[in-house]
């Protein structure tokens, strides 16, 4: 598995957290790039995959950016995985000697095990949503939420409002 799943999850969690705070406005690519600490071009590659899967859309213009098409509780980690990963296997099955009794059969047996692993992985990922990950993230850390080109510390903003 490459980093596309992790970066896509990060993007969607950042967008869900920002949506909760600021509403349904598009999130600038620069803000997503800053949050994920990766190049804007890489973010756009991931966004293109998420768009093709129907999870986000790109809004052009001065107030443009990336916008969620579904609420975080409607996007499972399995959706993110399927949107971002080529069919990758936990292991690759090598070419075998079909004249050997073991070589002739081992690939089919290992392919069955691989299918079982794929089903287990997707079943586990189907149980968690972007909303779940967002909740866990907001509960366990100080989250910097993008606000246009400026970034504010979520906890600091809360503390200031409590003092007033």
Protein backbone atom coordinates (compact mmCIF):
# COMPACT_ATOMS: atom_id res chain seq x y z
CA UNK A 1 0.00 0.00 0.00
CA UNK A 2 1.39 3.43 -0.89
CA UNK A 3 0.76 6.77 0.88
CA UNK A 4 -2.22 7.71 -1.29
CA UNK A 5 -4.71 6.19 1.16
CA UNK A 6 -3.20 8.01 4.15
CA UNK A 7 -2.99 11.36 2.34
CA UNK A 8 -6.53 11.00 0.96
CA UNK A 9 -7.81 10.21 4.45
CA UNK A 10 -5.94 13.25 5.79
CA UNK A 11 -7.48 15.46 3.10
CA UNK A 12 -11.00 14.22 3.82
CA UNK A 13 -10.60 14.57 7.60
CA UNK A 14 -9.26 18.14 7.19
CA UNK A 15 -12.20 18.97 4.92
CA UNK A 16 -14.73 17.41 7.31
CA UNK A 17 -13.26 19.28 10.30
CA UNK A 18 -13.32 22.54 8.36
CA UNK A 19 -16.88 21.88 7.11
CA UNK A 20 -18.04 21.48 10.70
CA UNK A 21 -16.49 24.79 11.67
CA UNK A 22 -17.10 26.94 8.58
CA UNK A 23 -19.87 25.23 6.65
CA UNK A 24 -19.97 23.88 3.12
CA UNK A 25 -17.34 26.16 1.56
CA UNK A 26 -14.60 24.76 -0.70
CA UNK A 27 -11.20 24.27 0.94
CA UNK A 28 -8.19 25.76 -0.87
CA UNK A 29 -5.66 23.28 -2.24
CA UNK A 30 -2.90 25.31 -0.56
CA UNK A 31 -4.51 24.69 2.83
CA UNK A 32 -4.72 20.95 2.17
CA UNK A 33 -1.11 20.92 0.98
CA UNK A 34 -0.02 22.76 4.14
CA UNK A 35 -1.98 20.44 6.42
CA UNK A 36 -0.70 17.23 4.79
CA UNK A 37 2.81 18.70 4.47
CA UNK A 38 3.07 17.61 0.87
CA UNK A 39 3.29 19.30 -2.52
CA UNK A 40 0.17 20.83 -4.05
CA UNK A 41 0.60 18.73 -7.22
CA UNK A 42 0.49 15.52 -5.16
CA UNK A 43 -2.67 16.78 -3.41
CA UNK A 44 -4.25 17.42 -6.82
CA UNK A 45 -3.41 13.87 -7.95
CA UNK A 46 -5.14 12.45 -4.89
CA UNK A 47 -8.10 14.83 -5.31
CA UNK A 48 -8.49 13.64 -8.91
CA UNK A 49 -8.89 10.05 -7.63
CA UNK A 50 -11.37 11.17 -4.96
CA UNK A 51 -13.32 13.10 -7.62
CA UNK A 52 -13.49 10.07 -9.91
CA UNK A 53 -14.94 8.08 -7.01
CA UNK A 54 -17.58 10.79 -6.31
CA UNK A 55 -16.29 11.90 -2.91
CA UNK A 56 -15.22 15.48 -3.73
CA UNK A 57 -15.50 18.09 -6.43
CA UNK A 58 -13.20 20.88 -7.56
CA UNK A 59 -14.70 24.36 -7.54
CA UNK A 60 -12.90 26.89 -9.73
CA UNK A 61 -12.54 30.62 -9.14
CA UNK A 62 -11.27 32.97 -6.44
CA UNK A 63 -13.43 31.32 -3.76
CA UNK A 64 -12.75 27.88 -5.20
CA UNK A 65 -11.07 24.81 -3.83
CA UNK A 66 -12.08 21.27 -3.02
CA UNK A 67 -15.54 20.49 -1.68
CA UNK A 68 -16.92 17.33 -0.07
CA UNK A 69 -19.81 15.76 -1.97
CA UNK A 70 -20.82 13.55 0.96
CA UNK A 71 -20.88 14.06 4.69
CA UNK A 72 -18.04 12.44 6.61
CA UNK A 73 -20.37 9.85 8.12
CA UNK A 74 -21.22 8.65 4.60
CA UNK A 75 -17.59 8.06 3.56
CA UNK A 76 -16.00 4.87 4.86
CA UNK A 77 -12.31 4.13 4.92
CA UNK A 78 -13.11 1.35 2.43
CA UNK A 79 -14.38 4.06 0.03
CA UNK A 80 -11.12 5.96 0.44
CA UNK A 81 -9.07 2.80 -0.04
CA UNK A 82 -10.96 1.79 -3.18
CA UNK A 83 -10.70 5.33 -4.57
CA UNK A 84 -6.96 5.62 -4.08
CA UNK A 85 -5.40 2.18 -4.39
CA UNK A 86 -4.64 0.21 -7.47
CA UNK A 87 -5.38 -3.42 -6.83
CA UNK A 88 -2.41 -4.11 -4.61
CA UNK A 89 -1.83 -7.36 -2.89
CA UNK A 90 -0.32 -8.03 0.48
CA UNK A 91 2.06 -10.28 -1.41
CA UNK A 92 2.71 -11.06 -5.04
CA UNK A 93 2.33 -14.55 -6.44
CA UNK A 94 5.36 -15.64 -8.39
CA UNK A 95 5.53 -17.72 -11.54
CA UNK A 96 5.84 -21.40 -10.74
CA UNK A 97 6.90 -24.58 -12.48
CA UNK A 98 3.69 -26.31 -13.57
CA UNK A 99 5.53 -29.63 -13.91
CA UNK A 100 6.07 -29.63 -10.14
CA UNK A 101 3.22 -30.87 -7.93
CA UNK A 102 3.75 -28.00 -5.46
CA UNK A 103 4.42 -25.38 -8.13
CA UNK A 104 1.33 -26.40 -10.05
CA UNK A 105 -0.99 -25.79 -7.07
CA UNK A 106 0.57 -23.33 -4.65
CA UNK A 107 -0.35 -20.21 -6.66
CA UNK A 108 -4.07 -21.06 -6.64
CA UNK A 109 -4.03 -21.74 -2.89
CA UNK A 110 -2.16 -18.48 -2.17
CA UNK A 111 -4.58 -16.58 -4.44
CA UNK A 112 -7.47 -17.85 -2.30
CA UNK A 113 -5.70 -16.64 0.85
CA UNK A 114 -5.14 -13.25 -0.83
CA UNK A 115 -8.86 -12.94 -1.58
CA UNK A 116 -9.65 -13.70 2.06
CA UNK A 117 -7.20 -10.98 3.17
CA UNK A 118 -8.77 -8.48 0.76
CA UNK A 119 -12.25 -9.18 2.17
CA UNK A 120 -11.02 -8.88 5.78
CA UNK A 121 -9.28 -5.56 5.01
CA UNK A 122 -12.32 -4.04 3.29
CA UNK A 123 -14.71 -5.32 5.97
CA UNK A 124 -12.60 -3.68 8.70
CA UNK A 125 -12.33 -0.43 6.73
CA UNK A 126 -16.09 -0.39 6.11
CA UNK A 127 -16.70 -0.07 9.86
CA UNK A 128 -14.94 3.31 10.19
CA UNK A 129 -15.96 6.58 8.55
CA UNK A 130 -14.23 9.87 7.90
CA UNK A 131 -16.50 11.32 10.59
CA UNK A 132 -15.14 8.75 13.08
CA UNK A 133 -11.56 9.61 12.20
CA UNK A 134 -12.36 13.34 12.38
CA UNK A 135 -13.91 12.92 15.83
CA UNK A 136 -10.91 10.96 17.07
CA UNK A 137 -8.52 13.52 15.60
CA UNK A 138 -10.33 16.50 17.10
CA UNK A 139 -10.58 14.78 20.48
CA UNK A 140 -6.90 13.85 20.76
CA UNK A 141 -4.91 16.77 19.43
CA UNK A 142 -4.75 20.46 18.80
CA UNK A 143 -6.00 20.86 15.28
CA UNK A 144 -5.00 23.69 13.05
CA UNK A 145 -7.88 24.48 10.75
CA UNK A 146 -7.37 26.32 7.51
CA UNK A 147 -9.10 29.65 7.17
CA UNK A 148 -8.37 30.92 3.68
CA UNK A 149 -4.63 31.57 3.47
CA UNK A 150 -4.40 32.04 7.26
CA UNK A 151 -4.25 29.20 9.75
CA UNK A 152 -5.71 29.43 13.23
CA UNK A 153 -5.21 27.20 16.20
CA UNK A 154 -8.57 25.61 16.99
CA UNK A 155 -7.87 25.19 20.73
CA UNK A 156 -6.56 28.75 21.05
CA UNK A 157 -9.75 30.11 19.46
CA UNK A 158 -11.84 28.08 21.88
CA UNK A 159 -9.82 29.29 24.86
CA UNK A 160 -10.23 32.94 23.81
CA UNK A 161 -14.00 32.57 23.53
CA UNK A 162 -14.19 30.92 26.97
CA UNK A 163 -12.27 33.84 28.59
CA UNK A 164 -14.79 36.43 27.32
